[in-house]
Amino acid sequence: MAESVAVRQKRRLTARGAMTRSRIVQAAAELVHVKGVNAVTLDDVRAAGGTSKSQLYDHFADVRRVPP
């Protein structure tokens, strides 16, 4: 069964995990600034942040793909 959002939020991040999450957020912010929110995909964020899909979904489990 999937963890609840509250449980994930209480989970402490390691220093490495915090750096990964920060890289993802920074990459997303830069892409949205340059391309606009409607033009950015999760694959764009993943590639720009240098992370895997599993890392992206681990740090942001509530991310859903919205059909174009």
PDB file of N, CA and C in Angstrom:
ATOM      1  N   MET A   1       0.852  -1.179   0.000  1.00  0.00           N
ATOM      2  CA  MET A   1       0.000   0.000   0.000  1.00  0.00           C
ATOM      3  C   MET A   1       0.897   1.243   0.000  1.00  0.00           C
ATOM      4  N   ALA A   2       0.500   2.267  -0.711  1.00  0.00           N
ATOM      5  CA  ALA A   2       1.293   3.486  -0.819  1.00  0.00           C
ATOM      6  C   ALA A   2       1.294   4.265   0.491  1.00  0.00           C
ATOM      7  N   GLU A   3       2.426   4.948   0.732  1.00  0.00           N
ATOM      8  CA  GLU A   3       2.514   5.805   1.920  1.00  0.00           C
ATOM      9  C   GLU A   3       1.566   6.976   1.772  1.00  0.00           C
ATOM     10  N   SER A   4       1.038   7.436   2.886  1.00  0.00           N
ATOM     11  CA  SER A   4       0.211   8.636   2.830  1.00  0.00           C
ATOM     12  C   SER A   4       1.116   9.855   2.696  1.00  0.00           C
ATOM     13  N   VAL A   5       0.564  10.934   2.219  1.00  0.00           N
ATOM     14  CA  VAL A   5       1.327  12.174   2.068  1.00  0.00           C
ATOM     15  C   VAL A   5       1.870  12.616   3.415  1.00  0.00           C
ATOM     16  N   ALA A   6       1.091  12.505   4.469  1.00  0.00           N
ATOM     17  CA  ALA A   6       1.522  12.927   5.802  1.00  0.00           C
ATOM     18  C   ALA A   6       2.732  12.128   6.263  1.00  0.00           C
ATOM     19  N   VAL A   7       2.741  10.833   5.977  1.00  0.00           N
ATOM     20  CA  VAL A   7       3.876   9.997   6.383  1.00  0.00           C
ATOM     21  C   VAL A   7       5.130  10.401   5.615  1.00  0.00           C
ATOM     22  N   ARG A   8       4.977  10.623   4.316  1.00  0.00           N
ATOM     23  CA  ARG A   8       6.137  11.037   3.510  1.00  0.00           C
ATOM     24  C   ARG A   8       6.674  12.379   3.966  1.00  0.00           C
ATOM     25  N   GLN A   9       5.791  13.301   4.331  1.00  0.00           N
ATOM     26  CA  GLN A   9       6.243  14.623   4.747  1.00  0.00           C
ATOM     27  C   GLN A   9       6.996  14.551   6.066  1.00  0.00           C
ATOM     28  N   LYS A  10       6.628  13.609   6.924  1.00  0.00           N
ATOM     29  CA  LYS A  10       7.308  13.473   8.202  1.00  0.00           C
ATOM     30  C   LYS A  10       8.659  12.781   8.057  1.00  0.00           C
ATOM     31  N   ARG A  11       8.826  12.027   6.964  1.00  0.00           N
ATOM     32  CA  ARG A  11      10.068  11.310   6.736  1.00  0.00           C
ATOM     33  C   ARG A  11      11.213  12.308   6.589  1.00  0.00           C
ATOM     34  N   ARG A  12      12.278  12.063   7.292  1.00  0.00           N
ATOM     35  CA  ARG A  12      13.428  12.962   7.221  1.00  0.00           C
ATOM     36  C   ARG A  12      14.252  12.649   5.986  1.00  0.00           C
ATOM     37  N   LEU A  13      14.683  13.681   5.302  1.00  0.00           N
ATOM     38  CA  LEU A  13      15.545  13.503   4.145  1.00  0.00           C
ATOM     39  C   LEU A  13      16.993  13.439   4.583  1.00  0.00           C
ATOM     40  N   THR A  14      17.756  12.614   3.913  1.00  0.00           N
ATOM     41  CA  THR A  14      19.193  12.631   4.120  1.00  0.00           C
ATOM     42  C   THR A  14      19.738  13.875   3.429  1.00  0.00           C
ATOM     43  N   ALA A  15      20.972  14.202   3.687  1.00  0.00           N
ATOM     44  CA  ALA A  15      21.582  15.360   3.016  1.00  0.00           C
ATOM     45  C   ALA A  15      21.565  15.149   1.507  1.00  0.00           C
ATOM     46  N   ARG A  16      21.849  13.941   1.083  1.00  0.00           N
ATOM     47  CA  ARG A  16      21.850  13.627  -0.347  1.00  0.00           C
ATOM     48  C   ARG A  16      20.435  13.751  -0.929  1.00  0.00           C
ATOM     49  N   GLY A  17      19.438  13.267  -0.191  1.00  0.00           N
ATOM     50  CA  GLY A  17      18.057  13.367  -0.640  1.00  0.00           C
ATOM     51  C   GLY A  17      17.593  14.814  -0.742  1.00  0.00           C
ATOM     52  N   ALA A  18      18.005  15.621   0.224  1.00  0.00           N
ATOM     53  CA  ALA A  18      17.652  17.045   0.200  1.00  0.00           C
ATOM     54  C   ALA A  18      18.283  17.744  -0.998  1.00  0.00           C
ATOM     55  N   MET A  19      19.517  17.363  -1.331  1.00  0.00           N
ATOM     56  CA  MET A  19      20.191  17.951  -2.493  1.00  0.00           C
ATOM     57  C   MET A  19      19.480  17.548  -3.785  1.00  0.00           C
ATOM     58  N   THR A  20      19.061  16.292  -3.855  1.00  0.00           N
ATOM     59  CA  THR A  20      18.347  15.814  -5.042  1.00  0.00           C
ATOM     60  C   THR A  20      17.030  16.554  -5.208  1.00  0.00           C
ATOM     61  N   ARG A  21      16.284  16.675  -4.121  1.00  0.00           N
ATOM     62  CA  ARG A  21      15.004  17.387  -4.165  1.00  0.00           C
ATOM     63  C   ARG A  21      15.219  18.843  -4.584  1.00  0.00           C
ATOM     64  N   SER A  22      16.237  19.472  -4.053  1.00  0.00           N
ATOM     65  CA  SER A  22      16.549  20.857  -4.392  1.00  0.00           C
ATOM     66  C   SER A  22      16.908  20.991  -5.874  1.00  0.00           C
ATOM     67  N   ARG A  23      17.678  20.040  -6.402  1.00  0.00           N
ATOM     68  CA  ARG A  23      18.044  20.058  -7.821  1.00  0.00           C
ATOM     69  C   ARG A  23      16.810  19.948  -8.705  1.00  0.00           C
ATOM     70  N   ILE A  24      15.878  19.095  -8.307  1.00  0.00           N
ATOM     71  CA  ILE A  24      14.644  18.923  -9.080  1.00  0.00           C
ATOM     72  C   ILE A  24      13.836  20.218  -9.079  1.00  0.00           C
ATOM     73  N   VAL A  25      13.683  20.823  -7.918  1.00  0.00           N
ATOM     74  CA  VAL A  25      12.908  22.070  -7.803  1.00  0.00           C
ATOM     75  C   VAL A  25      13.570  23.187  -8.599  1.00  0.00           C
ATOM     76  N   GLN A  26      14.883  23.301  -8.492  1.00  0.00           N
ATOM     77  CA  GLN A  26      15.616  24.342  -9.218  1.00  0.00           C
ATOM     78  C   GLN A  26      15.485  24.149 -10.730  1.00  0.00           C
ATOM     79  N   ALA A  27      15.634  22.926 -11.186  1.00  0.00           N
ATOM     80  CA  ALA A  27      15.518  22.639 -12.618  1.00  0.00           C
ATOM     81  C   ALA A  27      14.110  22.976 -13.111  1.00  0.00           C
ATOM     82  N   ALA A  28      13.099  22.582 -12.348  1.00  0.00           N
ATOM     83  CA  ALA A  28      11.713  22.874 -12.740  1.00  0.00           C
ATOM     84  C   ALA A  28      11.466  24.375 -12.791  1.00  0.00           C
ATOM     85  N   ALA A  29      11.957  25.094 -11.810  1.00  0.00           N
ATOM     86  CA  ALA A  29      11.755  26.550 -11.775  1.00  0.00           C
ATOM     87  C   ALA A  29      12.407  27.223 -12.982  1.00  0.00           C
ATOM     88  N   GLU A  30      13.610  26.809 -13.309  1.00  0.00           N
ATOM     89  CA  GLU A  30      14.308  27.409 -14.457  1.00  0.00           C
ATOM     90  C   GLU A  30      13.589  27.094 -15.769  1.00  0.00           C
ATOM     91  N   LEU A  31      13.155  25.844 -15.916  1.00  0.00           N
ATOM     92  CA  LEU A  31      12.449  25.467 -17.141  1.00  0.00           C
ATOM     93  C   LEU A  31      11.128  26.214 -17.289  1.00  0.00           C
ATOM     94  N   VAL A  32      10.381  26.326 -16.212  1.00  0.00           N
ATOM     95  CA  VAL A  32       9.107  27.039 -16.262  1.00  0.00           C
ATOM     96  C   VAL A  32       9.342  28.515 -16.589  1.00  0.00           C
ATOM     97  N   HIS A  33      10.390  29.082 -16.045  1.00  0.00           N
ATOM     98  CA  HIS A  33      10.711  30.490 -16.322  1.00  0.00           C
ATOM     99  C   HIS A  33      11.033  30.688 -17.804  1.00  0.00           C
ATOM    100  N   VAL A  34      11.796  29.763 -18.380  1.00  0.00           N
ATOM    101  CA  VAL A  34      12.228  29.907 -19.762  1.00  0.00           C
ATOM    102  C   VAL A  34      11.151  29.472 -20.761  1.00  0.00           C
ATOM    103  N   LYS A  35      10.534  28.313 -20.528  1.00  0.00           N
ATOM    104  CA  LYS A  35       9.620  27.731 -21.503  1.00  0.00           C
ATOM    105  C   LYS A  35       8.145  27.991 -21.219  1.00  0.00           C
ATOM    106  N   GLY A  36       7.817  28.305 -19.980  1.00  0.00           N
ATOM    107  CA  GLY A  36       6.421  28.453 -19.593  1.00  0.00           C
ATOM    108  C   GLY A  36       5.901  27.146 -19.033  1.00  0.00           C
ATOM    109  N   VAL A  37       4.954  27.249 -18.125  1.00  0.00           N
ATOM    110  CA  VAL A  37       4.478  26.078 -17.394  1.00  0.00           C
ATOM    111  C   VAL A  37       3.839  25.031 -18.311  1.00  0.00           C
ATOM    112  N   ASN A  38       3.168  25.454 -19.350  1.00  0.00           N
ATOM    113  CA  ASN A  38       2.486  24.500 -20.232  1.00  0.00           C
ATOM    114  C   ASN A  38       3.435  23.766 -21.166  1.00  0.00           C
ATOM    115  N   ALA A  39       4.653  24.237 -21.309  1.00  0.00           N
ATOM    116  CA  ALA A  39       5.604  23.618 -22.233  1.00  0.00           C
ATOM    117  C   ALA A  39       6.591  22.680 -21.546  1.00  0.00           C
ATOM    118  N   VAL A  40       6.556  22.580 -20.240  1.00  0.00           N
ATOM    119  CA  VAL A  40       7.526  21.772 -19.497  1.00  0.00           C
ATOM    120  C   VAL A  40       6.926  20.416 -19.167  1.00  0.00           C
ATOM    121  N   THR A  41       7.680  19.363 -19.464  1.00  0.00           N
ATOM    122  CA  THR A  41       7.242  18.014 -19.136  1.00  0.00           C
ATOM    123  C   THR A  41       8.066  17.475 -17.964  1.00  0.00           C
ATOM    124  N   LEU A  42       7.579  16.402 -17.376  1.00  0.00           N
ATOM    125  CA  LEU A  42       8.338  15.765 -16.303  1.00  0.00           C
ATOM    126  C   LEU A  42       9.668  15.231 -16.825  1.00  0.00           C
ATOM    127  N   ASP A  43       9.692  14.765 -18.053  1.00  0.00           N
ATOM    128  CA  ASP A  43      10.956  14.304 -18.630  1.00  0.00           C
ATOM    129  C   ASP A  43      11.938  15.462 -18.791  1.00  0.00           C
ATOM    130  N   ASP A  44      11.436  16.653 -19.113  1.00  0.00           N
ATOM    131  CA  ASP A  44      12.305  17.840 -19.176  1.00  0.00           C
ATOM    132  C   ASP A  44      12.933  18.103 -17.807  1.00  0.00           C
ATOM    133  N   VAL A  45      12.105  18.073 -16.789  1.00  0.00           N
ATOM    134  CA  VAL A  45      12.576  18.343 -15.420  1.00  0.00           C
ATOM    135  C   VAL A  45      13.578  17.282 -14.987  1.00  0.00           C
ATOM    136  N   ARG A  46      13.259  16.036 -15.269  1.00  0.00           N
ATOM    137  CA  ARG A  46      14.134  14.933 -14.903  1.00  0.00           C
ATOM    138  C   ARG A  46      15.502  15.076 -15.569  1.00  0.00           C
ATOM    139  N   ALA A  47      15.501  15.365 -16.859  1.00  0.00           N
ATOM    140  CA  ALA A  47      16.764  15.498 -17.590  1.00  0.00           C
ATOM    141  C   ALA A  47      17.568  16.709 -17.103  1.00  0.00           C
ATOM    142  N   ALA A  48      16.901  17.830 -16.923  1.00  0.00           N
ATOM    143  CA  ALA A  48      17.597  19.043 -16.482  1.00  0.00           C
ATOM    144  C   ALA A  48      18.121  18.906 -15.056  1.00  0.00           C
ATOM    145  N   GLY A  49      17.420  18.168 -14.230  1.00  0.00           N
ATOM    146  CA  GLY A  49      17.839  17.985 -12.845  1.00  0.00           C
ATOM    147  C   GLY A  49      18.816  16.842 -12.656  1.00  0.00           C
ATOM    148  N   GLY A  50      19.032  16.064 -13.715  1.00  0.00           N
ATOM    149  CA  GLY A  50      19.964  14.952 -13.636  1.00  0.00           C
ATOM    150  C   GLY A  50      19.481  13.854 -12.698  1.00  0.00           C
ATOM    151  N   THR A  51      18.180  13.595 -12.710  1.00  0.00           N
ATOM    152  CA  THR A  51      17.614  12.581 -11.823  1.00  0.00           C
ATOM    153  C   THR A  51      16.890  11.518 -12.629  1.00  0.00           C
ATOM    154  N   SER A  52      16.611  10.416 -11.980  1.00  0.00           N
ATOM    155  CA  SER A  52      15.840   9.354 -12.615  1.00  0.00           C
ATOM    156  C   SER A  52      14.357   9.591 -12.367  1.00  0.00           C
ATOM    157  N   LYS A  53      13.534   8.865 -13.101  1.00  0.00           N
ATOM    158  CA  LYS A  53      12.085   8.975 -12.879  1.00  0.00           C
ATOM    159  C   LYS A  53      11.735   8.522 -11.470  1.00  0.00           C
ATOM    160  N   SER A  54      12.418   7.483 -10.994  1.00  0.00           N
ATOM    161  CA  SER A  54      12.094   6.988  -9.651  1.00  0.00           C
ATOM    162  C   SER A  54      12.419   8.041  -8.591  1.00  0.00           C
ATOM    163  N   GLN A  55      13.497   8.780  -8.764  1.00  0.00           N
ATOM    164  CA  GLN A  55      13.819   9.858  -7.817  1.00  0.00           C
ATOM    165  C   GLN A  55      12.768  10.951  -7.884  1.00  0.00           C
ATOM    166  N   LEU A  56      12.364  11.301  -9.079  1.00  0.00           N
ATOM    167  CA  LEU A  56      11.349  12.348  -9.242  1.00  0.00           C
ATOM    168  C   LEU A  56      10.062  11.954  -8.530  1.00  0.00           C
ATOM    169  N   TYR A  57       9.610  10.729  -8.755  1.00  0.00           N
ATOM    170  CA  TYR A  57       8.364  10.275  -8.134  1.00  0.00           C
ATOM    171  C   TYR A  57       8.532  10.013  -6.642  1.00  0.00           C
ATOM    172  N   ASP A  58       9.729   9.655  -6.206  1.00  0.00           N
ATOM    173  CA  ASP A  58       9.954   9.448  -4.775  1.00  0.00           C
ATOM    174  C   ASP A  58       9.834  10.764  -4.012  1.00  0.00           C
ATOM    175  N   HIS A  59      10.408  11.828  -4.568  1.00  0.00           N
ATOM    176  CA  HIS A  59      10.372  13.124  -3.894  1.00  0.00           C
ATOM    177  C   HIS A  59       9.060  13.872  -4.102  1.00  0.00           C
ATOM    178  N   PHE A  60       8.360  13.556  -5.186  1.00  0.00           N
ATOM    179  CA  PHE A  60       7.105  14.238  -5.506  1.00  0.00           C
ATOM    180  C   PHE A  60       6.080  13.190  -5.931  1.00  0.00           C
ATOM    181  N   ALA A  61       5.652  12.385  -4.987  1.00  0.00           N
ATOM    182  CA  ALA A  61       4.768  11.254  -5.261  1.00  0.00           C
ATOM    183  C   ALA A  61       3.399  11.680  -5.760  1.00  0.00           C
ATOM    184  N   ASP A  62       2.985  12.899  -5.498  1.00  0.00           N
ATOM    185  CA  ASP A  62       1.660  13.337  -5.924  1.00  0.00           C
ATOM    186  C   ASP A  62       1.654  13.909  -7.335  1.00  0.00           C
ATOM    187  N   VAL A  63       2.775  13.842  -8.032  1.00  0.00           N
ATOM    188  CA  VAL A  63       2.868  14.328  -9.410  1.00  0.00           C
ATOM    189  C   VAL A  63       2.041  13.417 -10.296  1.00  0.00           C
ATOM    190  N   ARG A  64       1.200  13.988 -11.088  1.00  0.00           N
ATOM    191  CA  ARG A  64       0.369  13.233 -12.019  1.00  0.00           C
ATOM    192  C   ARG A  64       0.619  13.768 -13.424  1.00  0.00           C
ATOM    193  N   ARG A  65       0.625  12.878 -14.389  1.00  0.00           N
ATOM    194  CA  ARG A  65       0.765  13.315 -15.769  1.00  0.00           C
ATOM    195  C   ARG A  65      -0.587  13.823 -16.236  1.00  0.00           C
ATOM    196  N   VAL A  66      -0.614  15.035 -16.703  1.00  0.00           N
ATOM    197  CA  VAL A  66      -1.848  15.653 -17.183  1.00  0.00           C
ATOM    198  C   VAL A  66      -1.840  15.535 -18.703  1.00  0.00           C
ATOM    199  N   PRO A  67      -2.887  14.964 -19.275  1.00  0.00           N
ATOM    200  CA  PRO A  67      -2.934  14.829 -20.744  1.00  0.00           C
ATOM    201  C   PRO A  67      -2.891  16.203 -21.408  1.00  0.00           C
ATOM    202  N   PRO A  68      -2.229  16.288 -22.562  1.00  0.00           N
ATOM    203  CA  PRO A  68      -2.135  17.594 -23.278  1.00  0.00           C
ATOM    204  C   PRO A  68      -3.465  18.077 -23.766  1.00  0.00           C
TER     205      PRO A  68
END
